[in-house]
């Protein structure tokens, strides 16, 4: 079923997520609790809790690294996340569906092009495209430069919005998922991937461009569920 984000990764992936969710619950249970009415000082946004790649608070994330932000009525704004933005780096072209076209959750909806690399991305929701971002069509690199803001891609009318969003990660679960993504990336051979700086630092912007064709295919299959 295309809408089931766990179908492609199987039981092992689900168990990892469940483990981290239970761990979060345990930490919350044993941690000291603030008195009623006490101010919550120093609470960090989700983006600060994940190494390398940021998340936007209040957004919902698809396993294929697209996000959905609910708006008025049945409207959902859609874009690519920071992982996808850092993989492709400055974009040369973004191919978006036409207004009026239908998109289905978990199926290809748009394509990013950077140099000789193309990345087809999956829609995080199901519905009808009611708007595309003209600024991204005119200046494609905006989608990767500001993925959670001015670089949004589509607005979708999603009659089954609640059902679509239930299949996505949000809040602390999204942070757990992105941390797991970082760990999977770290486990890939650095010599083949070429993403880690010599001093052990963070992946360079546009790290996907240094990959050979076979490595690019492997990374897009692993992290973007292509093929």
C-alpha atoms as a PDB file:
ATOM      1  CA  UNK A   1       0.000   0.000   0.000  1.00  0.00           C
ATOM      2  CA  UNK A   2       1.685   3.270  -1.105  1.00  0.00           C
ATOM      3  CA  UNK A   3       0.461   5.235   1.911  1.00  0.00           C
ATOM      4  CA  UNK A   4       2.048   2.952   4.476  1.00  0.00           C
ATOM      5  CA  UNK A   5       5.495   4.420   5.064  1.00  0.00           C
ATOM      6  CA  UNK A   6       6.673   1.406   7.020  1.00  0.00           C
ATOM      7  CA  UNK A   7       5.936  -1.136   4.277  1.00  0.00           C
ATOM      8  CA  UNK A   8       9.166  -0.494   2.398  1.00  0.00           C
ATOM      9  CA  UNK A   9      11.520  -0.937   5.321  1.00  0.00           C
ATOM     10  CA  UNK A  10       9.798  -3.792   7.092  1.00  0.00           C
ATOM     11  CA  UNK A  11       9.607  -4.846  10.682  1.00  0.00           C
ATOM     12  CA  UNK A  12      13.250  -4.076  11.524  1.00  0.00           C
ATOM     13  CA  UNK A  13      12.871  -0.350  10.832  1.00  0.00           C
ATOM     14  CA  UNK A  14       9.620  -0.196  12.802  1.00  0.00           C
ATOM     15  CA  UNK A  15      11.230  -1.900  15.801  1.00  0.00           C
ATOM     16  CA  UNK A  16      14.060   0.667  15.838  1.00  0.00           C
ATOM     17  CA  UNK A  17      11.560   3.531  15.901  1.00  0.00           C
ATOM     18  CA  UNK A  18       9.448   1.856  18.614  1.00  0.00           C
ATOM     19  CA  UNK A  19      12.584   1.330  20.718  1.00  0.00           C
ATOM     20  CA  UNK A  20      13.512   5.005  20.583  1.00  0.00           C
ATOM     21  CA  UNK A  21       9.932   6.096  21.318  1.00  0.00           C
ATOM     22  CA  UNK A  22       9.849   3.870  24.410  1.00  0.00           C
ATOM     23  CA  UNK A  23      13.229   5.261  25.463  1.00  0.00           C
ATOM     24  CA  UNK A  24      11.928   8.816  25.166  1.00  0.00           C
ATOM     25  CA  UNK A  25       8.894   7.879  27.261  1.00  0.00           C
ATOM     26  CA  UNK A  26      11.102   6.337  29.952  1.00  0.00           C
ATOM     27  CA  UNK A  27      13.312   9.427  30.135  1.00  0.00           C
ATOM     28  CA  UNK A  28      10.261  11.643  30.442  1.00  0.00           C
ATOM     29  CA  UNK A  29       8.870   9.437  33.220  1.00  0.00           C
ATOM     30  CA  UNK A  30      12.003   9.416  35.367  1.00  0.00           C
ATOM     31  CA  UNK A  31      12.989  13.034  34.724  1.00  0.00           C
ATOM     32  CA  UNK A  32      12.084  15.619  37.378  1.00  0.00           C
ATOM     33  CA  UNK A  33       8.785  17.301  36.621  1.00  0.00           C
ATOM     34  CA  UNK A  34       8.231  21.038  36.813  1.00  0.00           C
ATOM     35  CA  UNK A  35       5.710  22.346  39.278  1.00  0.00           C
ATOM     36  CA  UNK A  36       2.316  23.322  37.830  1.00  0.00           C
ATOM     37  CA  UNK A  37       2.522  26.716  36.203  1.00  0.00           C
ATOM     38  CA  UNK A  38       6.324  26.815  36.243  1.00  0.00           C
ATOM     39  CA  UNK A  39       7.957  28.360  33.198  1.00  0.00           C
ATOM     40  CA  UNK A  40       9.790  25.965  30.863  1.00  0.00           C
ATOM     41  CA  UNK A  41      13.205  27.572  30.576  1.00  0.00           C
ATOM     42  CA  UNK A  42      15.755  26.590  27.944  1.00  0.00           C
ATOM     43  CA  UNK A  43      13.495  24.322  25.911  1.00  0.00           C
ATOM     44  CA  UNK A  44      15.329  23.697  22.629  1.00  0.00           C
ATOM     45  CA  UNK A  45      13.628  23.512  19.230  1.00  0.00           C
ATOM     46  CA  UNK A  46      13.692  20.147  17.482  1.00  0.00           C
ATOM     47  CA  UNK A  47      16.365  21.372  15.068  1.00  0.00           C
ATOM     48  CA  UNK A  48      18.882  21.640  17.929  1.00  0.00           C
ATOM     49  CA  UNK A  49      18.327  18.041  19.015  1.00  0.00           C
ATOM     50  CA  UNK A  50      19.465  16.448  15.731  1.00  0.00           C
ATOM     51  CA  UNK A  51      23.084  16.495  14.499  1.00  0.00           C
ATOM     52  CA  UNK A  52      23.896  17.552  10.929  1.00  0.00           C
ATOM     53  CA  UNK A  53      20.343  18.003   9.598  1.00  0.00           C
ATOM     54  CA  UNK A  54      17.665  20.357  10.920  1.00  0.00           C
ATOM     55  CA  UNK A  55      13.939  19.815  11.336  1.00  0.00           C
ATOM     56  CA  UNK A  56      11.164  22.398  11.466  1.00  0.00           C
ATOM     57  CA  UNK A  57       8.894  22.389  14.492  1.00  0.00           C
ATOM     58  CA  UNK A  58       5.238  21.760  13.677  1.00  0.00           C
ATOM     59  CA  UNK A  59       5.992  20.027  10.361  1.00  0.00           C
ATOM     60  CA  UNK A  60       5.282  16.408   9.433  1.00  0.00           C
ATOM     61  CA  UNK A  61       7.994  14.348   7.719  1.00  0.00           C
ATOM     62  CA  UNK A  62       7.765  11.503   5.214  1.00  0.00           C
ATOM     63  CA  UNK A  63      10.310   8.702   5.278  1.00  0.00           C
ATOM     64  CA  UNK A  64      11.411   9.829   1.800  1.00  0.00           C
ATOM     65  CA  UNK A  65      12.575  13.205   3.220  1.00  0.00           C
ATOM     66  CA  UNK A  66       9.680  15.418   2.172  1.00  0.00           C
ATOM     67  CA  UNK A  67       7.644  17.464   4.644  1.00  0.00           C
ATOM     68  CA  UNK A  68       4.012  18.504   4.977  1.00  0.00           C
ATOM     69  CA  UNK A  69       2.688  21.516   6.891  1.00  0.00           C
ATOM     70  CA  UNK A  70      -1.092  21.712   7.423  1.00  0.00           C
ATOM     71  CA  UNK A  71      -2.752  25.018   6.593  1.00  0.00           C
ATOM     72  CA  UNK A  72      -6.335  26.244   6.479  1.00  0.00           C
ATOM     73  CA  UNK A  73      -9.081  23.751   5.733  1.00  0.00           C
ATOM     74  CA  UNK A  74      -7.779  20.807   3.719  1.00  0.00           C
ATOM     75  CA  UNK A  75      -4.652  22.617   2.487  1.00  0.00           C
ATOM     76  CA  UNK A  76      -1.179  21.185   3.040  1.00  0.00           C
ATOM     77  CA  UNK A  77       2.088  22.874   2.023  1.00  0.00           C
ATOM     78  CA  UNK A  78       4.787  20.450   0.860  1.00  0.00           C
ATOM     79  CA  UNK A  79       8.551  20.677   0.443  1.00  0.00           C
ATOM     80  CA  UNK A  80      11.859  18.851   0.832  1.00  0.00           C
ATOM     81  CA  UNK A  81      13.677  18.507   4.142  1.00  0.00           C
ATOM     82  CA  UNK A  82      17.177  19.612   5.138  1.00  0.00           C
ATOM     83  CA  UNK A  83      18.650  16.160   4.472  1.00  0.00           C
ATOM     84  CA  UNK A  84      17.525  16.308   0.832  1.00  0.00           C
ATOM     85  CA  UNK A  85      18.690  19.930   0.570  1.00  0.00           C
ATOM     86  CA  UNK A  86      22.190  19.124   1.802  1.00  0.00           C
ATOM     87  CA  UNK A  87      22.438  16.013  -0.384  1.00  0.00           C
ATOM     88  CA  UNK A  88      21.745  17.806  -3.659  1.00  0.00           C
ATOM     89  CA  UNK A  89      23.188  21.232  -2.789  1.00  0.00           C
ATOM     90  CA  UNK A  90      22.523  24.132  -5.193  1.00  0.00           C
ATOM     91  CA  UNK A  91      19.808  23.072  -7.627  1.00  0.00           C
ATOM     92  CA  UNK A  92      19.753  23.670 -11.363  1.00  0.00           C
ATOM     93  CA  UNK A  93      16.139  22.663 -11.945  1.00  0.00           C
ATOM     94  CA  UNK A  94      13.018  21.641 -10.046  1.00  0.00           C
ATOM     95  CA  UNK A  95      10.275  19.840 -11.977  1.00  0.00           C
ATOM     96  CA  UNK A  96       6.893  20.201 -10.263  1.00  0.00           C
ATOM     97  CA  UNK A  97       3.485  18.727 -11.110  1.00  0.00           C
ATOM     98  CA  UNK A  98       0.967  21.037 -12.760  1.00  0.00           C
ATOM     99  CA  UNK A  99      -1.806  22.740 -10.833  1.00  0.00           C
ATOM    100  CA  UNK A 100      -4.771  20.378 -10.908  1.00  0.00           C
ATOM    101  CA  UNK A 101      -2.625  17.252 -10.995  1.00  0.00           C
ATOM    102  CA  UNK A 102      -3.138  14.563  -8.400  1.00  0.00           C
ATOM    103  CA  UNK A 103      -0.394  13.340  -6.076  1.00  0.00           C
ATOM    104  CA  UNK A 104      -0.422  10.181  -4.017  1.00  0.00           C
ATOM    105  CA  UNK A 105       1.319   9.616  -0.723  1.00  0.00           C
ATOM    106  CA  UNK A 106       4.488   7.588  -1.169  1.00  0.00           C
ATOM    107  CA  UNK A 107       4.598   7.988  -4.963  1.00  0.00           C
ATOM    108  CA  UNK A 108       6.890  10.212  -7.106  1.00  0.00           C
ATOM    109  CA  UNK A 109       5.660  13.810  -7.296  1.00  0.00           C
ATOM    110  CA  UNK A 110       8.593  16.061  -8.288  1.00  0.00           C
ATOM    111  CA  UNK A 111      12.209  15.878  -9.433  1.00  0.00           C
ATOM    112  CA  UNK A 112      15.294  17.797  -8.326  1.00  0.00           C
ATOM    113  CA  UNK A 113      18.252  18.237 -10.697  1.00  0.00           C
ATOM    114  CA  UNK A 114      21.756  19.264  -9.664  1.00  0.00           C
ATOM    115  CA  UNK A 115      24.430  18.941 -12.327  1.00  0.00           C
ATOM    116  CA  UNK A 116      24.052  15.535 -13.910  1.00  0.00           C
ATOM    117  CA  UNK A 117      22.154  14.128 -10.917  1.00  0.00           C
ATOM    118  CA  UNK A 118      18.379  13.788 -10.724  1.00  0.00           C
ATOM    119  CA  UNK A 119      16.401  12.912  -7.608  1.00  0.00           C
ATOM    120  CA  UNK A 120      12.750  11.911  -7.833  1.00  0.00           C
ATOM    121  CA  UNK A 121      10.998  12.523  -4.526  1.00  0.00           C
ATOM    122  CA  UNK A 122       7.844  11.020  -3.067  1.00  0.00           C
ATOM    123  CA  UNK A 123       4.806  13.024  -2.036  1.00  0.00           C
ATOM    124  CA  UNK A 124       4.145  13.051   1.711  1.00  0.00           C
ATOM    125  CA  UNK A 125       0.383  13.469   1.230  1.00  0.00           C
ATOM    126  CA  UNK A 126      -2.402  12.562  -1.163  1.00  0.00           C
ATOM    127  CA  UNK A 127      -4.597  15.083  -2.937  1.00  0.00           C
ATOM    128  CA  UNK A 128      -4.817  17.695  -5.696  1.00  0.00           C
ATOM    129  CA  UNK A 129      -2.121  20.274  -6.411  1.00  0.00           C
ATOM    130  CA  UNK A 130      -3.686  23.721  -6.032  1.00  0.00           C
ATOM    131  CA  UNK A 131      -0.507  25.836  -6.248  1.00  0.00           C
ATOM    132  CA  UNK A 132       3.180  25.549  -7.084  1.00  0.00           C
ATOM    133  CA  UNK A 133       5.897  27.896  -5.890  1.00  0.00           C
ATOM    134  CA  UNK A 134       6.774  30.211  -8.814  1.00  0.00           C
ATOM    135  CA  UNK A 135       9.881  31.450  -6.998  1.00  0.00           C
ATOM    136  CA  UNK A 136      11.337  27.917  -6.998  1.00  0.00           C
ATOM    137  CA  UNK A 137      10.594  27.460 -10.691  1.00  0.00           C
ATOM    138  CA  UNK A 138      12.379  30.737 -11.432  1.00  0.00           C
ATOM    139  CA  UNK A 139      15.228  30.202  -8.954  1.00  0.00           C
ATOM    140  CA  UNK A 140      15.550  26.446  -8.299  1.00  0.00           C
ATOM    141  CA  UNK A 141      18.337  26.765  -5.725  1.00  0.00           C
ATOM    142  CA  UNK A 142      15.833  28.430  -3.368  1.00  0.00           C
ATOM    143  CA  UNK A 143      14.335  25.007  -2.635  1.00  0.00           C
ATOM    144  CA  UNK A 144      17.626  23.822  -1.114  1.00  0.00           C
ATOM    145  CA  UNK A 145      18.716  27.179   0.323  1.00  0.00           C
ATOM    146  CA  UNK A 146      15.534  27.624   2.396  1.00  0.00           C
ATOM    147  CA  UNK A 147      13.728  24.256   2.362  1.00  0.00           C
ATOM    148  CA  UNK A 148      11.388  25.012   5.294  1.00  0.00           C
ATOM    149  CA  UNK A 149      10.512  28.545   4.259  1.00  0.00           C
ATOM    150  CA  UNK A 150      10.584  30.355   0.932  1.00  0.00           C
ATOM    151  CA  UNK A 151      11.678  27.136  -0.819  1.00  0.00           C
ATOM    152  CA  UNK A 152       8.356  25.318  -0.373  1.00  0.00           C
ATOM    153  CA  UNK A 153       7.256  23.399  -3.477  1.00  0.00           C
ATOM    154  CA  UNK A 154       3.520  22.675  -3.573  1.00  0.00           C
ATOM    155  CA  UNK A 155       0.216  23.397  -1.935  1.00  0.00           C
ATOM    156  CA  UNK A 156      -2.112  20.396  -1.976  1.00  0.00           C
ATOM    157  CA  UNK A 157      -5.815  20.091  -1.222  1.00  0.00           C
ATOM    158  CA  UNK A 158      -5.917  16.866   0.788  1.00  0.00           C
ATOM    159  CA  UNK A 159      -9.485  15.721   1.609  1.00  0.00           C
ATOM    160  CA  UNK A 160      -8.004  12.894   3.698  1.00  0.00           C
ATOM    161  CA  UNK A 161      -5.460  15.151   5.353  1.00  0.00           C
ATOM    162  CA  UNK A 162      -5.753  13.631   8.804  1.00  0.00           C
ATOM    163  CA  UNK A 163      -5.154  10.130   7.466  1.00  0.00           C
ATOM    164  CA  UNK A 164      -2.154  11.311   5.425  1.00  0.00           C
ATOM    165  CA  UNK A 165      -0.554  13.072   8.382  1.00  0.00           C
ATOM    166  CA  UNK A 166      -0.989  10.031  10.603  1.00  0.00           C
ATOM    167  CA  UNK A 167       1.485   8.198   8.342  1.00  0.00           C
ATOM    168  CA  UNK A 168       4.195  10.837   8.891  1.00  0.00           C
ATOM    169  CA  UNK A 169       6.716  11.620  11.626  1.00  0.00           C
ATOM    170  CA  UNK A 170       6.323  14.730  13.773  1.00  0.00           C
ATOM    171  CA  UNK A 171       7.622  16.192  17.014  1.00  0.00           C
ATOM    172  CA  UNK A 172      10.005  13.997  19.001  1.00  0.00           C
ATOM    173  CA  UNK A 173       9.298  11.024  16.756  1.00  0.00           C
ATOM    174  CA  UNK A 174      10.601  13.059  13.794  1.00  0.00           C
ATOM    175  CA  UNK A 175      13.751  13.864  15.770  1.00  0.00           C
ATOM    176  CA  UNK A 176      14.238  10.163  16.566  1.00  0.00           C
ATOM    177  CA  UNK A 177      13.803   9.287  12.903  1.00  0.00           C
ATOM    178  CA  UNK A 178      16.306  11.902  11.740  1.00  0.00           C
ATOM    179  CA  UNK A 179      18.853  10.800  14.335  1.00  0.00           C
ATOM    180  CA  UNK A 180      18.439   7.256  13.045  1.00  0.00           C
ATOM    181  CA  UNK A 181      18.997   8.596   9.518  1.00  0.00           C
ATOM    182  CA  UNK A 182      22.254  10.205  10.684  1.00  0.00           C
ATOM    183  CA  UNK A 183      23.410   6.905  12.183  1.00  0.00           C
ATOM    184  CA  UNK A 184      22.642   5.052   8.957  1.00  0.00           C
ATOM    185  CA  UNK A 185      24.603   7.665   7.016  1.00  0.00           C
ATOM    186  CA  UNK A 186      27.558   7.348   9.379  1.00  0.00           C
ATOM    187  CA  UNK A 187      27.639   3.599   8.802  1.00  0.00           C
ATOM    188  CA  UNK A 188      28.161   3.987   5.068  1.00  0.00           C
ATOM    189  CA  UNK A 189      31.815   3.635   3.974  1.00  0.00           C
ATOM    190  CA  UNK A 190      33.341   7.124   4.030  1.00  0.00           C
ATOM    191  CA  UNK A 191      35.697   6.214   1.180  1.00  0.00           C
ATOM    192  CA  UNK A 192      32.733   5.421  -1.056  1.00  0.00           C
ATOM    193  CA  UNK A 193      30.393   8.113   0.200  1.00  0.00           C
ATOM    194  CA  UNK A 194      32.767  11.022   0.550  1.00  0.00           C
ATOM    195  CA  UNK A 195      30.444  12.911   2.903  1.00  0.00           C
ATOM    196  CA  UNK A 196      32.518  13.291   6.050  1.00  0.00           C
ATOM    197  CA  UNK A 197      35.194  15.947   6.233  1.00  0.00           C
ATOM    198  CA  UNK A 198      38.740  14.741   6.984  1.00  0.00           C
ATOM    199  CA  UNK A 199      38.526  16.053  10.557  1.00  0.00           C
ATOM    200  CA  UNK A 200      35.393  14.002  11.217  1.00  0.00           C
ATOM    201  CA  UNK A 201      33.082  16.992  10.798  1.00  0.00           C
ATOM    202  CA  UNK A 202      29.694  17.310   9.182  1.00  0.00           C
ATOM    203  CA  UNK A 203      28.757  16.341   5.617  1.00  0.00           C
ATOM    204  CA  UNK A 204      29.570  19.023   3.085  1.00  0.00           C
ATOM    205  CA  UNK A 205      26.741  20.825   1.317  1.00  0.00           C
ATOM    206  CA  UNK A 206      25.913  19.029  -1.916  1.00  0.00           C
ATOM    207  CA  UNK A 207      27.688  15.853  -0.783  1.00  0.00           C
ATOM    208  CA  UNK A 208      25.675  13.791  -3.265  1.00  0.00           C
ATOM    209  CA  UNK A 209      27.603  15.342  -6.141  1.00  0.00           C
ATOM    210  CA  UNK A 210      30.806  13.547  -5.185  1.00  0.00           C
ATOM    211  CA  UNK A 211      29.188  10.121  -5.403  1.00  0.00           C
ATOM    212  CA  UNK A 212      29.755   7.805  -8.325  1.00  0.00           C
ATOM    213  CA  UNK A 213      26.684   6.564 -10.224  1.00  0.00           C
ATOM    214  CA  UNK A 214      26.482   3.310  -8.248  1.00  0.00           C
ATOM    215  CA  UNK A 215      26.851   5.095  -4.895  1.00  0.00           C
ATOM    216  CA  UNK A 216      24.265   7.709  -5.882  1.00  0.00           C
ATOM    217  CA  UNK A 217      21.775   4.967  -6.758  1.00  0.00           C
ATOM    218  CA  UNK A 218      22.472   3.207  -3.455  1.00  0.00           C
ATOM    219  CA  UNK A 219      21.995   6.382  -1.387  1.00  0.00           C
ATOM    220  CA  UNK A 220      18.781   7.412  -3.151  1.00  0.00           C
ATOM    221  CA  UNK A 221      17.342   3.908  -2.771  1.00  0.00           C
ATOM    222  CA  UNK A 222      18.283   3.787   0.907  1.00  0.00           C
ATOM    223  CA  UNK A 223      17.161   7.256   1.986  1.00  0.00           C
ATOM    224  CA  UNK A 224      14.601   8.339  -0.629  1.00  0.00           C
ATOM    225  CA  UNK A 225      12.958   4.965  -1.355  1.00  0.00           C
ATOM    226  CA  UNK A 226      13.516   5.235  -5.113  1.00  0.00           C
ATOM    227  CA  UNK A 227      13.207   2.031  -7.110  1.00  0.00           C
END
